[in-house]
Protein backbone atom coordinates (compact mmCIF):
# COMPACT_ATOMS: atom_id res chain seq x y z
CA MET A 1 0.00 0.00 0.00
CA CYS A 2 1.40 3.36 -1.00
CA LYS A 3 1.77 5.96 1.72
CA ASN A 4 2.34 8.85 -0.72
CA CYS A 5 6.07 8.24 -0.43
CA CYS A 6 6.71 7.99 -4.16
CA LYS A 7 5.05 11.21 -5.31
CA GLY A 8 7.89 13.58 -4.46
CA GLY A 9 10.82 11.59 -5.80
CA CYS A 10 13.96 10.67 -3.93
CA THR A 11 15.53 12.58 -1.07
CA MET A 12 18.22 14.08 -3.30
CA SER A 13 15.66 15.50 -5.72
CA MET A 14 13.70 17.00 -2.81
CA ILE A 15 16.89 18.63 -1.46
CA ALA A 16 17.67 19.93 -4.97
CA LYS A 17 14.18 21.44 -5.26
CA ILE A 18 14.54 23.18 -1.88
CA LEU A 19 18.00 24.54 -2.76
CA VAL A 20 16.80 25.83 -6.14
CA ILE A 21 13.86 27.56 -4.44
CA VAL A 22 16.15 29.11 -1.81
CA GLY A 23 18.55 30.27 -4.54
CA GLY A 24 15.74 31.70 -6.64
CA VAL A 25 14.23 33.62 -3.74
CA ASN A 26 17.68 34.93 -2.79
CA TRP A 27 18.34 36.16 -6.35
CA GLY A 28 14.88 37.72 -6.45
CA LEU A 29 15.59 39.61 -3.23
CA ILE A 30 18.98 40.75 -4.55
CA GLY A 31 17.29 42.08 -7.70
CA LEU A 32 14.55 43.78 -5.72
CA GLY A 33 17.15 45.36 -3.47
CA MET A 34 19.03 46.66 -6.51
CA LEU A 35 15.85 48.16 -7.96
CA LEU A 36 15.16 49.90 -4.67
CA GLY A 37 18.72 51.24 -4.49
CA THR A 38 20.24 49.00 -1.83
CA VAL A 39 22.79 47.00 -3.84
CA GLY A 40 23.62 43.73 -2.09
CA GLY A 41 21.62 44.72 0.96
CA TRP A 42 19.05 41.96 0.54
CA ASN A 43 21.35 39.00 -0.03
CA VAL A 44 19.95 36.65 2.63
CA LEU A 45 22.80 34.12 2.36
CA ASN A 46 25.32 36.90 2.88
CA MET A 47 23.35 38.16 5.87
CA ILE A 48 23.33 34.70 7.45
CA PHE A 49 26.76 33.37 6.42
CA GLY A 50 28.64 36.61 5.66
CA SER A 51 31.14 36.00 8.44
CA VAL A 52 32.02 32.61 6.90
CA PRO A 53 32.56 33.26 3.18
CA VAL A 54 33.69 29.68 2.49
CA LEU A 55 30.36 28.33 3.77
CA GLU A 56 28.50 30.91 1.69
CA GLY A 57 30.44 29.81 -1.39
CA ILE A 58 29.71 26.13 -0.70
CA ILE A 59 25.99 26.89 -0.50
CA TYR A 60 26.12 28.75 -3.82
CA VAL A 61 27.90 25.77 -5.42
CA LEU A 62 25.26 23.38 -4.02
CA VAL A 63 22.49 25.59 -5.42
CA GLY A 64 24.21 25.51 -8.82
CA ILE A 65 24.60 21.73 -8.74
CA SER A 66 20.93 21.45 -7.75
CA ALA A 67 19.93 23.60 -10.73
CA VAL A 68 21.90 21.35 -13.09
CA MET A 69 20.27 18.31 -11.47
CA MET A 70 16.86 19.89 -12.05
CA ILE A 71 17.71 20.43 -15.72
CA PHE A 72 18.79 16.85 -16.38
CA GLY A 73 16.60 15.15 -13.78
CA CYS A 74 17.52 12.57 -11.18
CA LYS A 75 18.62 9.20 -12.56
CA CYS A 76 18.07 7.09 -9.43
CA GLY A 77 15.83 4.05 -9.58
CA LYS A 78 13.02 5.64 -7.57
CA CYS A 79 12.83 8.73 -9.77
CA MET A 80 13.21 6.78 -13.00
CA SER A 81 10.45 4.28 -12.19
CA GLY A 82 8.22 6.77 -10.42
CA VAL A 83 7.31 4.30 -7.70
CA CYS A 84 8.79 3.09 -4.46
CA ALA A 85 9.29 -0.53 -3.47
CA SER A 86 6.06 -0.62 -1.44
CA CYS A 87 4.05 0.40 -4.52
CA ALA A 88 5.49 -2.23 -6.85
CA ASP A 89 3.82 -5.63 -7.03
CA PRO A 90 6.65 -8.14 -6.42
CA ASP A 91 4.81 -10.98 -8.24
CA THR A 92 4.23 -9.20 -11.53
CA ASN A 93 6.81 -6.39 -11.31
CA LYS A 94 4.02 -3.99 -12.18
CA VAL A 95 2.86 -0.95 -10.32
CA GLY A 96 0.03 -1.48 -7.92
CA GLY A 97 -1.99 1.02 -5.92
CA SER A 98 -2.59 4.60 -6.91
CA MET A 99 -0.19 7.41 -7.66
């Protein structure tokens, strides 16, 4: 019986989605700050991690990797088949339940 565990994809694709959303909102705030005349004043990642520039850079790299992953899609078995092990019928190797 499916417990809605296969609708969102794997954990890595969920993390990638969250990072892309965080990156997009951050860039939107940077742009809005520039339009309002406060250049760089609304960079949330810089506000939070400004004292540790290496950590800020790592987060930007992870957001970039997540964006590339979103472009090409996740290639893991769960994302490729669209179902988890509890949704697959082991006797017929076909999908059972509802998605």
